[in-house]
C-alpha atoms as a PDB file:
ATOM      1  CA  MET A   1      38.675 -97.421  32.559  1.00  0.00           C
ATOM      2  CA  ILE A   2      39.105 -93.707  31.894  1.00  0.00           C
ATOM      3  CA  GLN A   3      39.829 -91.805  35.099  1.00  0.00           C
ATOM      4  CA  VAL A   4      37.999 -88.474  35.235  1.00  0.00           C
ATOM      5  CA  PRO A   5      39.464 -85.705  37.402  1.00  0.00           C
ATOM      6  CA  GLU A   6      37.041 -83.756  39.568  1.00  0.00           C
ATOM      7  CA  PHE A   7      37.464 -80.523  37.603  1.00  0.00           C
ATOM      8  CA  SER A   8      36.405 -82.372  34.444  1.00  0.00           C
ATOM      9  CA  LEU A   9      33.271 -83.637  36.166  1.00  0.00           C
ATOM     10  CA  GLU A  10      32.383 -80.058  37.089  1.00  0.00           C
ATOM     11  CA  GLU A  11      32.839 -79.006  33.463  1.00  0.00           C
ATOM     12  CA  ILE A  12      30.738 -81.919  32.236  1.00  0.00           C
ATOM     13  CA  LEU A  13      27.939 -81.097  34.672  1.00  0.00           C
ATOM     14  CA  ASP A  14      28.013 -77.486  33.495  1.00  0.00           C
ATOM     15  CA  HIS A  15      26.328 -78.675  30.303  1.00  0.00           C
ATOM     16  CA  TRP A  16      23.159 -79.415  32.316  1.00  0.00           C
ATOM     17  CA  LEU A  17      23.320 -77.524  35.620  1.00  0.00           C
ATOM     18  CA  ALA A  18      24.272 -74.024  36.626  1.00  0.00           C
ATOM     19  CA  ARG A  19      27.322 -74.254  38.873  1.00  0.00           C
ATOM     20  CA  THR A  20      26.541 -73.535  42.536  1.00  0.00           C
ATOM     21  CA  PRO A  21      28.771 -73.616  45.629  1.00  0.00           C
ATOM     22  CA  ASP A  22      26.604 -76.271  47.288  1.00  0.00           C
ATOM     23  CA  ARG A  23      27.039 -78.838  44.492  1.00  0.00           C
ATOM     24  CA  VAL A  24      28.554 -82.105  45.770  1.00  0.00           C
ATOM     25  CA  ILE A  25      29.740 -84.963  43.536  1.00  0.00           C
ATOM     26  CA  LYS A  26      30.078 -88.449  45.052  1.00  0.00           C
ATOM     27  CA  PRO A  27      31.385 -91.489  43.126  1.00  0.00           C
ATOM     28  CA  LEU A  28      29.187 -94.583  43.330  1.00  0.00           C
ATOM     29  CA  GLU A  29      31.570 -97.520  43.482  1.00  0.00           C
ATOM     30  CA  ASN A  30      30.345-100.696  41.715  1.00  0.00           C
ATOM     31  CA  HIS A  31      26.884 -99.237  41.078  1.00  0.00           C
ATOM     32  CA  GLY A  32      27.557 -99.359  37.346  1.00  0.00           C
ATOM     33  CA  GLY A  33      27.496-103.141  37.646  1.00  0.00           C
ATOM     34  CA  LEU A  34      29.531-105.166  35.187  1.00  0.00           C
ATOM     35  CA  SER A  35      28.643-102.972  32.201  1.00  0.00           C
ATOM     36  CA  GLY A  36      31.705-100.772  32.655  1.00  0.00           C
ATOM     37  CA  SER A  37      29.645 -97.643  33.303  1.00  0.00           C
ATOM     38  CA  ARG A  38      30.731 -95.223  36.014  1.00  0.00           C
ATOM     39  CA  LEU A  39      28.182 -93.357  38.134  1.00  0.00           C
ATOM     40  CA  TRP A  40      28.244 -90.312  40.392  1.00  0.00           C
ATOM     41  CA  LYS A  41      25.577 -88.916  42.692  1.00  0.00           C
ATOM     42  CA  VAL A  42      25.294 -85.160  42.260  1.00  0.00           C
ATOM     43  CA  GLU A  43      23.624 -83.288  45.117  1.00  0.00           C
ATOM     44  CA  THR A  44      22.497 -79.694  45.369  1.00  0.00           C
ATOM     45  CA  SER A  45      20.460 -77.983  48.070  1.00  0.00           C
ATOM     46  CA  ASN A  46      17.140 -78.935  46.441  1.00  0.00           C
ATOM     47  CA  GLN A  47      17.742 -81.832  44.027  1.00  0.00           C
ATOM     48  CA  ALA A  48      19.838 -84.956  43.473  1.00  0.00           C
ATOM     49  CA  TYR A  49      20.962 -86.374  40.135  1.00  0.00           C
ATOM     50  CA  CYS A  50      22.814 -89.350  38.714  1.00  0.00           C
ATOM     51  CA  LEU A  51      25.667 -88.649  36.272  1.00  0.00           C
ATOM     52  CA  ARG A  52      26.600 -91.610  34.081  1.00  0.00           C
ATOM     53  CA  GLN A  53      29.738 -92.129  32.028  1.00  0.00           C
ATOM     54  CA  TRP A  54      29.043 -94.775  29.405  1.00  0.00           C
ATOM     55  CA  PRO A  55      31.780 -97.342  28.769  1.00  0.00           C
ATOM     56  CA  ASN A  56      31.360 -97.006  25.006  1.00  0.00           C
ATOM     57  CA  HIS A  57      30.161 -94.493  22.441  1.00  0.00           C
ATOM     58  CA  PRO A  58      26.421 -95.049  21.827  1.00  0.00           C
ATOM     59  CA  THR A  59      25.078 -93.497  18.657  1.00  0.00           C
ATOM     60  CA  ALA A  60      22.535 -90.693  18.533  1.00  0.00           C
ATOM     61  CA  GLU A  61      19.999 -93.266  17.314  1.00  0.00           C
ATOM     62  CA  ARG A  62      20.660 -95.490  20.325  1.00  0.00           C
ATOM     63  CA  PHE A  63      20.291 -92.605  22.758  1.00  0.00           C
ATOM     64  CA  ALA A  64      17.029 -91.690  21.022  1.00  0.00           C
ATOM     65  CA  GLU A  65      15.714 -95.199  21.758  1.00  0.00           C
ATOM     66  CA  ILE A  66      16.785 -95.249  25.413  1.00  0.00           C
ATOM     67  CA  HIS A  67      15.817 -91.700  26.264  1.00  0.00           C
ATOM     68  CA  GLY A  68      12.707 -91.874  24.103  1.00  0.00           C
ATOM     69  CA  LEU A  69      11.371 -94.693  26.273  1.00  0.00           C
ATOM     70  CA  LEU A  70      12.277 -92.836  29.472  1.00  0.00           C
ATOM     71  CA  ASP A  71      10.569 -89.688  28.197  1.00  0.00           C
ATOM     72  CA  HIS A  72       7.476 -91.732  27.320  1.00  0.00           C
ATOM     73  CA  LEU A  73       7.380 -93.310  30.779  1.00  0.00           C
ATOM     74  CA  GLN A  74       7.643 -89.887  32.380  1.00  0.00           C
ATOM     75  CA  ASP A  75       4.953 -88.458  30.088  1.00  0.00           C
ATOM     76  CA  GLN A  76       2.682 -91.298  31.245  1.00  0.00           C
ATOM     77  CA  ARG A  77       3.423 -90.443  34.901  1.00  0.00           C
ATOM     78  CA  CYS A  78       5.541 -93.491  35.691  1.00  0.00           C
ATOM     79  CA  GLU A  79       6.972 -91.920  38.836  1.00  0.00           C
ATOM     80  CA  ILE A  80       9.516 -94.623  39.698  1.00  0.00           C
ATOM     81  CA  THR A  81      11.602 -93.929  36.568  1.00  0.00           C
ATOM     82  CA  PRO A  82      14.176 -91.121  36.282  1.00  0.00           C
ATOM     83  CA  THR A  83      13.811 -87.976  34.216  1.00  0.00           C
ATOM     84  CA  VAL A  84      16.454 -87.429  31.526  1.00  0.00           C
ATOM     85  CA  LEU A  85      17.827 -83.894  31.607  1.00  0.00           C
ATOM     86  CA  ARG A  86      18.414 -81.782  28.501  1.00  0.00           C
ATOM     87  CA  THR A  87      21.571 -79.738  28.052  1.00  0.00           C
ATOM     88  CA  PHE A  88      21.584 -75.962  27.867  1.00  0.00           C
ATOM     89  CA  LYS A  89      21.399 -74.325  24.446  1.00  0.00           C
ATOM     90  CA  ARG A  90      24.218 -71.964  25.488  1.00  0.00           C
ATOM     91  CA  GLY A  91      23.201 -69.359  22.929  1.00  0.00           C
ATOM     92  CA  SER A  92      23.786 -71.584  19.908  1.00  0.00           C
ATOM     93  CA  SER A  93      21.323 -72.634  17.258  1.00  0.00           C
ATOM     94  CA  LEU A  94      21.598 -76.269  18.407  1.00  0.00           C
ATOM     95  CA  GLU A  95      18.663 -77.848  20.169  1.00  0.00           C
ATOM     96  CA  PRO A  96      19.231 -79.249  23.683  1.00  0.00           C
ATOM     97  CA  THR A  97      20.296 -82.892  23.784  1.00  0.00           C
ATOM     98  CA  THR A  98      20.015 -85.639  26.401  1.00  0.00           C
ATOM     99  CA  TYR A  99      23.701 -86.600  26.189  1.00  0.00           C
ATOM    100  CA  ILE A 100      27.134 -85.235  25.401  1.00  0.00           C
ATOM    101  CA  TYR A 101      30.433 -86.685  24.227  1.00  0.00           C
ATOM    102  CA  ALA A 102      33.466 -85.639  26.299  1.00  0.00           C
ATOM    103  CA  ASN A 103      36.777 -87.305  27.206  1.00  0.00           C
ATOM    104  CA  ASP A 104      36.098 -89.730  24.326  1.00  0.00           C
ATOM    105  CA  VAL A 105      33.034 -91.203  26.060  1.00  0.00           C
ATOM    106  CA  ALA A 106      29.324 -90.442  26.314  1.00  0.00           C
ATOM    107  CA  TRP A 107      27.629 -88.837  29.319  1.00  0.00           C
ATOM    108  CA  GLU A 108      24.046 -88.417  30.515  1.00  0.00           C
ATOM    109  CA  LEU A 109      22.381 -86.854  33.542  1.00  0.00           C
ATOM    110  CA  GLN A 110      19.150 -88.088  35.122  1.00  0.00           C
ATOM    111  CA  THR A 111      17.219 -87.292  38.258  1.00  0.00           C
ATOM    112  CA  TRP A 112      18.092 -89.437  41.263  1.00  0.00           C
ATOM    113  CA  THR A 113      15.757 -92.355  41.968  1.00  0.00           C
ATOM    114  CA  PRO A 114      15.286 -93.063  45.687  1.00  0.00           C
ATOM    115  CA  GLY A 115      15.449 -96.412  47.433  1.00  0.00           C
ATOM    116  CA  GLU A 116      17.775 -99.366  47.944  1.00  0.00           C
ATOM    117  CA  ALA A 117      18.114-102.705  46.157  1.00  0.00           C
ATOM    118  CA  VAL A 118      17.274-105.781  48.236  1.00  0.00           C
ATOM    119  CA  ALA A 119      19.886-108.533  48.434  1.00  0.00           C
ATOM    120  CA  LEU A 120      18.811-111.971  47.234  1.00  0.00           C
ATOM    121  CA  HIS A 121      19.112-113.614  50.653  1.00  0.00           C
ATOM    122  CA  ARG A 122      16.670-111.026  52.051  1.00  0.00           C
ATOM    123  CA  PHE A 123      14.276-111.055  49.088  1.00  0.00           C
ATOM    124  CA  ASN A 124      10.913-112.354  50.335  1.00  0.00           C
ATOM    125  CA  THR A 125       7.713-113.512  48.669  1.00  0.00           C
ATOM    126  CA  GLU A 126       6.007-110.132  48.926  1.00  0.00           C
ATOM    127  CA  GLU A 127       8.951-108.378  47.292  1.00  0.00           C
ATOM    128  CA  ASN A 128       8.861-111.009  44.545  1.00  0.00           C
ATOM    129  CA  ARG A 129       5.213-110.178  43.889  1.00  0.00           C
ATOM    130  CA  THR A 130       5.919-106.455  44.045  1.00  0.00           C
ATOM    131  CA  VAL A 131       8.711-106.367  41.452  1.00  0.00           C
ATOM    132  CA  LEU A 132       6.847-108.614  38.989  1.00  0.00           C
ATOM    133  CA  SER A 133       3.655-106.592  39.264  1.00  0.00           C
ATOM    134  CA  THR A 134       5.711-103.413  38.900  1.00  0.00           C
ATOM    135  CA  LEU A 135       7.346-104.827  35.772  1.00  0.00           C
ATOM    136  CA  ALA A 136       3.889-105.586  34.358  1.00  0.00           C
ATOM    137  CA  GLN A 137       2.804-102.003  35.020  1.00  0.00           C
ATOM    138  CA  VAL A 138       5.918-100.591  33.329  1.00  0.00           C
ATOM    139  CA  HIS A 139       5.370-102.881  30.336  1.00  0.00           C
ATOM    140  CA  GLY A 140       1.778-101.704  30.110  1.00  0.00           C
ATOM    141  CA  ILE A 141       2.855 -98.061  30.030  1.00  0.00           C
ATOM    142  CA  ALA A 142       5.673 -98.748  27.546  1.00  0.00           C
ATOM    143  CA  ALA A 143       3.192-100.370  25.149  1.00  0.00           C
ATOM    144  CA  ARG A 144       0.897 -97.347  25.003  1.00  0.00           C
ATOM    145  CA  PRO A 145       0.826 -95.098  21.947  1.00  0.00           C
ATOM    146  CA  PRO A 146       2.636 -93.153  20.661  1.00  0.00           C
ATOM    147  CA  HIS A 147       5.643 -95.240  21.730  1.00  0.00           C
ATOM    148  CA  ALA A 148       4.280 -98.632  20.670  1.00  0.00           C
ATOM    149  CA  PRO A 149       6.271-100.260  17.818  1.00  0.00           C
ATOM    150  CA  SER A 150       4.579-100.425  14.439  1.00  0.00           C
ATOM    151  CA  ALA A 151       4.802-104.229  13.981  1.00  0.00           C
ATOM    152  CA  LYS A 152       3.127-105.557  17.094  1.00  0.00           C
ATOM    153  CA  GLN A 153       3.350-109.303  16.501  1.00  0.00           C
ATOM    154  CA  ARG A 154       6.237-111.225  15.004  1.00  0.00           C
ATOM    155  CA  ARG A 155       9.101-113.531  15.959  1.00  0.00           C
ATOM    156  CA  SER A 156      11.367-112.567  18.838  1.00  0.00           C
ATOM    157  CA  GLU A 157      14.832-111.174  18.126  1.00  0.00           C
ATOM    158  CA  GLY A 158      15.997-112.394  21.536  1.00  0.00           C
ATOM    159  CA  LEU A 159      15.043-115.973  20.714  1.00  0.00           C
ATOM    160  CA  ARG A 160      16.673-115.692  17.290  1.00  0.00           C
ATOM    161  CA  VAL A 161      19.972-114.597  18.844  1.00  0.00           C
ATOM    162  CA  ARG A 162      19.786-117.396  21.406  1.00  0.00           C
ATOM    163  CA  LEU A 163      19.214-119.957  18.665  1.00  0.00           C
ATOM    164  CA  GLU A 164      22.108-118.683  16.527  1.00  0.00           C
ATOM    165  CA  THR A 165      24.487-118.741  19.496  1.00  0.00           C
ATOM    166  CA  LEU A 166      23.438-122.258  20.488  1.00  0.00           C
ATOM    167  CA  GLU A 167      23.855-123.457  16.890  1.00  0.00           C
ATOM    168  CA  SER A 168      27.437-122.172  16.947  1.00  0.00           C
ATOM    169  CA  LEU A 169      28.049-123.928  20.248  1.00  0.00           C
ATOM    170  CA  LYS A 170      26.853-127.233  18.797  1.00  0.00           C
ATOM    171  CA  ARG A 171      29.717-127.328  16.282  1.00  0.00           C
ATOM    172  CA  PRO A 172      32.458-129.770  17.391  1.00  0.00           C
ATOM    173  CA  ALA A 173      35.293-127.545  16.123  1.00  0.00           C
ATOM    174  CA  PHE A 174      33.884-124.588  18.052  1.00  0.00           C
ATOM    175  CA  GLN A 175      33.613-126.673  21.224  1.00  0.00           C
ATOM    176  CA  GLU A 176      37.158-128.007  20.915  1.00  0.00           C
ATOM    177  CA  THR A 177      38.653-124.547  20.384  1.00  0.00           C
ATOM    178  CA  LEU A 178      36.941-123.172  23.472  1.00  0.00           C
ATOM    179  CA  ARG A 179      37.949-126.264  25.494  1.00  0.00           C
ATOM    180  CA  GLU A 180      41.604-125.757  24.527  1.00  0.00           C
ATOM    181  CA  LEU A 181      41.512-122.077  25.441  1.00  0.00           C
ATOM    182  CA  ILE A 182      40.012-122.871  28.839  1.00  0.00           C
ATOM    183  CA  ALA A 183      42.658-125.555  29.475  1.00  0.00           C
ATOM    184  CA  ALA A 184      45.426-123.065  28.624  1.00  0.00           C
ATOM    185  CA  SER A 185      43.991-120.292  30.826  1.00  0.00           C
ATOM    186  CA  ASP A 186      46.094-119.159  33.789  1.00  0.00           C
ATOM    187  CA  SER A 187      43.160-117.390  35.435  1.00  0.00           C
ATOM    188  CA  PRO A 188      42.415-118.153  39.101  1.00  0.00           C
ATOM    189  CA  GLN A 189      38.893-118.928  37.835  1.00  0.00           C
ATOM    190  CA  THR A 190      40.036-121.713  35.492  1.00  0.00           C
ATOM    191  CA  GLN A 191      38.447-124.511  37.518  1.00  0.00           C
ATOM    192  CA  ARG A 192      35.168-122.601  37.492  1.00  0.00           C
ATOM    193  CA  PHE A 193      35.503-122.163  33.719  1.00  0.00           C
ATOM    194  CA  LYS A 194      35.986-125.904  33.227  1.00  0.00           C
ATOM    195  CA  HIS A 195      33.074-126.845  35.478  1.00  0.00           C
ATOM    196  CA  MET A 196      30.646-124.373  33.921  1.00  0.00           C
ATOM    197  CA  TYR A 197      31.669-125.353  30.391  1.00  0.00           C
ATOM    198  CA  GLY A 198      31.093-129.019  31.189  1.00  0.00           C
ATOM    199  CA  GLU A 199      27.610-128.275  32.513  1.00  0.00           C
ATOM    200  CA  LEU A 200      26.888-126.098  29.463  1.00  0.00           C
ATOM    201  CA  LEU A 201      27.785-128.870  27.029  1.00  0.00           C
ATOM    202  CA  LYS A 202      25.645-131.394  28.938  1.00  0.00           C
ATOM    203  CA  THR A 203      22.537-129.207  28.793  1.00  0.00           C
ATOM    204  CA  LEU A 204      23.105-127.910  25.257  1.00  0.00           C
ATOM    205  CA  PRO A 205      20.895-130.459  23.362  1.00  0.00           C
ATOM    206  CA  LEU A 206      17.960-129.916  25.731  1.00  0.00           C
ATOM    207  CA  VAL A 207      18.145-126.120  25.644  1.00  0.00           C
ATOM    208  CA  TYR A 208      18.685-126.003  21.897  1.00  0.00           C
ATOM    209  CA  GLU A 209      15.516-128.009  21.211  1.00  0.00           C
ATOM    210  CA  GLU A 210      13.508-125.807  23.600  1.00  0.00           C
ATOM    211  CA  VAL A 211      14.661-122.599  21.921  1.00  0.00           C
ATOM    212  CA  LEU A 212      14.208-124.054  18.427  1.00  0.00           C
ATOM    213  CA  ARG A 213      10.546-124.866  19.195  1.00  0.00           C
ATOM    214  CA  ALA A 214       9.984-121.437  20.695  1.00  0.00           C
ATOM    215  CA  THR A 215      11.177-119.580  17.591  1.00  0.00           C
ATOM    216  CA  ASP A 216       8.084-120.787  15.725  1.00  0.00           C
ATOM    217  CA  HIS A 217       5.828-118.697  17.965  1.00  0.00           C
ATOM    218  CA  GLU A 218       4.688-115.264  16.862  1.00  0.00           C
ATOM    219  CA  LEU A 219       4.620-113.035  19.924  1.00  0.00           C
ATOM    220  CA  PRO A 220       3.300-109.590  20.849  1.00  0.00           C
ATOM    221  CA  LEU A 221       6.317-107.289  20.672  1.00  0.00           C
ATOM    222  CA  GLN A 222       6.850-103.989  22.424  1.00  0.00           C
ATOM    223  CA  TRP A 223       9.522-101.861  24.106  1.00  0.00           C
ATOM    224  CA  ILE A 224      11.042-103.746  27.033  1.00  0.00           C
ATOM    225  CA  LEU A 225      13.931-103.171  29.463  1.00  0.00           C
ATOM    226  CA  GLY A 226      16.073-105.859  27.824  1.00  0.00           C
ATOM    227  CA  ASP A 227      18.337-106.840  30.740  1.00  0.00           C
ATOM    228  CA  VAL A 228      16.261-106.249  33.844  1.00  0.00           C
ATOM    229  CA  HIS A 229      17.596-107.505  37.182  1.00  0.00           C
ATOM    230  CA  ARG A 230      16.448-107.655  40.789  1.00  0.00           C
ATOM    231  CA  GLU A 231      18.966-104.953  41.748  1.00  0.00           C
ATOM    232  CA  HIS A 232      17.380-102.466  39.340  1.00  0.00           C
ATOM    233  CA  PHE A 233      14.271-102.219  41.565  1.00  0.00           C
ATOM    234  CA  LEU A 234      14.832 -99.853  44.496  1.00  0.00           C
ATOM    235  CA  PHE A 235      12.703-100.207  47.630  1.00  0.00           C
ATOM    236  CA  THR A 236      11.655 -97.778  50.342  1.00  0.00           C
ATOM    237  CA  ASN A 237       9.576 -99.194  53.227  1.00  0.00           C
ATOM    238  CA  GLY A 238       8.523-102.235  51.228  1.00  0.00           C
ATOM    239  CA  GLN A 239       7.490-100.299  48.114  1.00  0.00           C
ATOM    240  CA  VAL A 240       9.291 -99.890  44.791  1.00  0.00           C
ATOM    241  CA  THR A 241      10.295 -96.228  44.623  1.00  0.00           C
ATOM    242  CA  GLY A 242      12.890 -96.442  41.860  1.00  0.00           C
ATOM    243  CA  LEU A 243      13.670 -98.356  38.678  1.00  0.00           C
ATOM    244  CA  VAL A 244      17.114 -97.857  37.156  1.00  0.00           C
ATOM    245  CA  ASP A 245      19.361 -98.938  34.267  1.00  0.00           C
ATOM    246  CA  PHE A 246      17.658 -98.601  30.890  1.00  0.00           C
ATOM    247  CA  GLY A 247      20.801 -99.182  28.858  1.00  0.00           C
ATOM    248  CA  ALA A 248      19.511-102.382  27.193  1.00  0.00           C
ATOM    249  CA  VAL A 249      16.005-101.264  26.140  1.00  0.00           C
ATOM    250  CA  CYS A 250      14.794-102.848  22.906  1.00  0.00           C
ATOM    251  CA  VAL A 251      11.717-104.121  21.089  1.00  0.00           C
ATOM    252  CA  ASP A 252      11.036-107.760  21.944  1.00  0.00           C
ATOM    253  CA  SER A 253       8.643-109.998  23.832  1.00  0.00           C
ATOM    254  CA  ARG A 254       7.896-108.945  27.396  1.00  0.00           C
ATOM    255  CA  VAL A 255       8.561-112.582  28.364  1.00  0.00           C
ATOM    256  CA  ARG A 256      12.259-111.844  27.848  1.00  0.00           C
ATOM    257  CA  ASP A 257      12.111-109.371  30.756  1.00  0.00           C
ATOM    258  CA  ILE A 258      10.037-111.719  32.927  1.00  0.00           C
ATOM    259  CA  ALA A 259      12.495-114.585  32.460  1.00  0.00           C
ATOM    260  CA  ARG A 260      15.551-112.407  33.079  1.00  0.00           C
ATOM    261  CA  LEU A 261      14.072-110.884  36.218  1.00  0.00           C
ATOM    262  CA  LEU A 262      13.025-114.243  37.671  1.00  0.00           C
ATOM    263  CA  ASP A 263      16.482-115.625  36.913  1.00  0.00           C
ATOM    264  CA  SER A 264      17.836-113.019  39.352  1.00  0.00           C
ATOM    265  CA  ILE A 265      15.139-113.626  41.978  1.00  0.00           C
ATOM    266  CA  ALA A 266      13.914-117.214  41.847  1.00  0.00           C
ATOM    267  CA  LEU A 267      16.821-119.109  40.267  1.00  0.00           C
ATOM    268  CA  ASP A 268      15.466-122.688  40.113  1.00  0.00           C
ATOM    269  CA  ASP A 269      12.827-122.476  42.844  1.00  0.00           C
ATOM    270  CA  PRO A 270       9.492-123.427  41.210  1.00  0.00           C
ATOM    271  CA  GLU A 271       7.453-121.812  44.001  1.00  0.00           C
ATOM    272  CA  ARG A 272       9.173-118.459  43.490  1.00  0.00           C
ATOM    273  CA  TRP A 273       8.665-118.724  39.743  1.00  0.00           C
ATOM    274  CA  GLU A 274       4.973-119.504  40.237  1.00  0.00           C
ATOM    275  CA  VAL A 275       4.529-116.536  42.593  1.00  0.00           C
ATOM    276  CA  GLY A 276       6.296-114.188  40.177  1.00  0.00           C
ATOM    277  CA  VAL A 277       4.423-115.282  37.060  1.00  0.00           C
ATOM    278  CA  GLN A 278       1.068-115.102  38.874  1.00  0.00           C
ATOM    279  CA  ALA A 279       1.857-111.609  40.183  1.00  0.00           C
ATOM    280  CA  TYR A 280       2.664-110.416  36.672  1.00  0.00           C
ATOM    281  CA  GLN A 281      -0.490-111.972  35.218  1.00  0.00           C
ATOM    282  CA  GLN A 282      -2.719-110.392  37.847  1.00  0.00           C
ATOM    283  CA  VAL A 283      -1.754-107.050  36.303  1.00  0.00           C
ATOM    284  CA  SER A 284      -1.331-108.120  32.665  1.00  0.00           C
ATOM    285  CA  PRO A 285      -2.293-111.660  31.543  1.00  0.00           C
ATOM    286  CA  LEU A 286       0.089-113.497  29.215  1.00  0.00           C
ATOM    287  CA  THR A 287      -1.087-115.177  26.029  1.00  0.00           C
ATOM    288  CA  PRO A 288      -0.729-118.969  25.559  1.00  0.00           C
ATOM    289  CA  ASP A 289       2.123-118.326  23.108  1.00  0.00           C
ATOM    290  CA  GLU A 290       3.922-116.148  25.647  1.00  0.00           C
ATOM    291  CA  LEU A 291       3.614-118.771  28.377  1.00  0.00           C
ATOM    292  CA  ALA A 292       4.871-121.409  25.937  1.00  0.00           C
ATOM    293  CA  VAL A 293       8.185-119.582  25.369  1.00  0.00           C
ATOM    294  CA  LEU A 294       8.974-118.681  28.983  1.00  0.00           C
ATOM    295  CA  ALA A 295      11.240-121.719  29.484  1.00  0.00           C
ATOM    296  CA  ALA A 296      13.080-121.031  26.223  1.00  0.00           C
ATOM    297  CA  PHE A 297      13.829-117.437  27.201  1.00  0.00           C
ATOM    298  CA  ASP A 298      15.062-118.575  30.610  1.00  0.00           C
ATOM    299  CA  SER A 299      17.084-121.686  29.752  1.00  0.00           C
ATOM    300  CA  GLY A 300      18.360-120.184  26.497  1.00  0.00           C
ATOM    301  CA  GLY A 301      19.331-117.001  28.300  1.00  0.00           C
ATOM    302  CA  VAL A 302      21.265-118.933  30.949  1.00  0.00           C
ATOM    303  CA  ALA A 303      23.113-121.046  28.363  1.00  0.00           C
ATOM    304  CA  VAL A 304      23.992-118.062  26.178  1.00  0.00           C
ATOM    305  CA  ALA A 305      25.089-116.024  29.208  1.00  0.00           C
ATOM    306  CA  ALA A 306      27.391-118.862  30.302  1.00  0.00           C
ATOM    307  CA  TYR A 307      28.976-118.952  26.859  1.00  0.00           C
ATOM    308  CA  ARG A 308      29.342-115.168  26.695  1.00  0.00           C
ATOM    309  CA  TRP A 309      31.072-115.041  30.067  1.00  0.00           C
ATOM    310  CA  LEU A 310      33.506-117.720  28.950  1.00  0.00           C
ATOM    311  CA  HIS A 311      34.144-115.778  25.754  1.00  0.00           C
ATOM    312  CA  TRP A 312      34.707-112.492  27.600  1.00  0.00           C
ATOM    313  CA  LEU A 313      37.012-113.975  30.220  1.00  0.00           C
ATOM    314  CA  VAL A 314      38.853-116.681  28.291  1.00  0.00           C
ATOM    315  CA  VAL A 315      38.864-115.568  24.656  1.00  0.00           C
ATOM    316  CA  GLU A 316      38.892-111.766  25.064  1.00  0.00           C
ATOM    317  CA  GLY A 317      40.707-111.784  28.408  1.00  0.00           C
ATOM    318  CA  ARG A 318      38.561-109.053  29.927  1.00  0.00           C
ATOM    319  CA  GLN A 319      39.632-107.903  33.379  1.00  0.00           C
ATOM    320  CA  LEU A 320      36.601-107.551  35.641  1.00  0.00           C
ATOM    321  CA  ALA A 321      36.147-107.329  39.399  1.00  0.00           C
ATOM    322  CA  PRO A 322      37.144-110.799  40.745  1.00  0.00           C
ATOM    323  CA  GLU A 323      34.337-111.016  43.311  1.00  0.00           C
ATOM    324  CA  ALA A 324      31.694-110.079  40.737  1.00  0.00           C
ATOM    325  CA  VAL A 325      33.104-112.598  38.251  1.00  0.00           C
ATOM    326  CA  ALA A 326      33.123-115.398  40.828  1.00  0.00           C
ATOM    327  CA  ALA A 327      29.536-114.625  41.849  1.00  0.00           C
ATOM    328  CA  ARG A 328      28.296-114.584  38.256  1.00  0.00           C
ATOM    329  CA  LEU A 329      30.070-117.828  37.349  1.00  0.00           C
ATOM    330  CA  GLU A 330      28.682-119.503  40.453  1.00  0.00           C
ATOM    331  CA  HIS A 331      25.170-118.340  39.602  1.00  0.00           C
ATOM    332  CA  LEU A 332      25.326-119.565  36.005  1.00  0.00           C
ATOM    333  CA  ALA A 333      26.968-122.882  36.877  1.00  0.00           C
ATOM    334  CA  GLY A 334      24.337-123.508  39.549  1.00  0.00           C
ATOM    335  CA  ARG A 335      21.522-122.843  37.105  1.00  0.00           C
ATOM    336  CA  LEU A 336      23.061-125.146  34.485  1.00  0.00           C
ATOM    337  CA  GLU A 337      23.481-127.884  37.109  1.00  0.00           C
ATOM    338  CA  ALA A 338      19.808-127.555  38.049  1.00  0.00           C
ATOM    339  CA  LEU A 339      18.804-127.762  34.383  1.00  0.00           C
ATOM    340  CA  ASN A 340      20.736-130.998  34.008  1.00  0.00           C
ATOM    341  CA  ARG A 341      19.311-132.479  37.215  1.00  0.00           C
ATOM    342  CA  ARG A 342      15.667-131.922  36.331  1.00  0.00           C
ATOM    343  CA  GLY A 343      16.090-132.871  32.653  1.00  0.00           C
ATOM    344  CA  ARG A 344      13.721-130.227  31.300  1.00  0.00           C
ATOM    345  CA  ALA A 345      14.063-126.568  30.372  1.00  0.00           C
ATOM    346  CA  SER A 346      11.214-125.219  32.489  1.00  0.00           C
ATOM    347  CA  VAL A 347      11.658-124.501  36.193  1.00  0.00           C
ATOM    348  CA  LEU A 348       7.883-124.740  36.554  1.00  0.00           C
ATOM    349  CA  PRO A 349       6.519-128.299  36.690  1.00  0.00           C
ATOM    350  CA  PRO A 350       4.647-129.598  33.619  1.00  0.00           C
ATOM    351  CA  SER A 351       1.022-128.429  33.593  1.00  0.00           C
END
């Protein structure tokens, strides 16, 4: 990770904000999650902001997608989302931009969103309803013109990627190579790797068939959050007052967001899934095709995530925070175990 001295942060912020003596910059440890982003809270006497250092070098086109959706949400008065700031012109002929490149990485500045994430062990039924209904409202705003995608109904890219990944995993040579790499690993997590990989291989035929069937469905497509998680919803006095992390926005089925969010809230509890899906549908009903692919998005997402984590940690040898790695591996292994126990892809009982 690139270390940024304080004077550099001041110079980076100068692209957006006039320098004042009351400006305070506070690092936010671990708030960038596992993406590799680094975040700082920037406070002045009358406003707070969030400065983000991206871990990679997104293209101008990618920033246009992310910030275009945020601008649209703000234009439609979605008050829980941050405002993206534009840089100063600084007397040049260049138009203001929503990002800069400095220190070989990309930077953006947004207004601060208030509230706190709720830990899973404290997440109650009412909060479950609240975040799913909030997600439905955000989806509804994101689908409004002029930001709606031109092709509104076709096959899901997320399901296609899941299917391709699972097809690769089904190959015996692929499985044996990964098994050998796990066996040779000297990581303290090696036993977790072996256990999760065993559970993944056991559930692979079931999940593959579920995702394969789902890819036949044509679905309403729109802009979605892409990798939405419980911790992205910030609460103040029982209400959602902030929604953060738009780095994975894309055009796909809204069911992808629903499944990902419930994975982080409900795990394999059918009652929590039922509450969440009902709360979403009270705001925005799902079509029969959308309901039919919910299990494929969930089970396929869990299986593909398990594989990706093994690839990152075993094949690529990425060095990530040990506690975060252990928690993620435990979560994914637990979900795969539950899949194997119930013998079906859907957490919800058959209708």
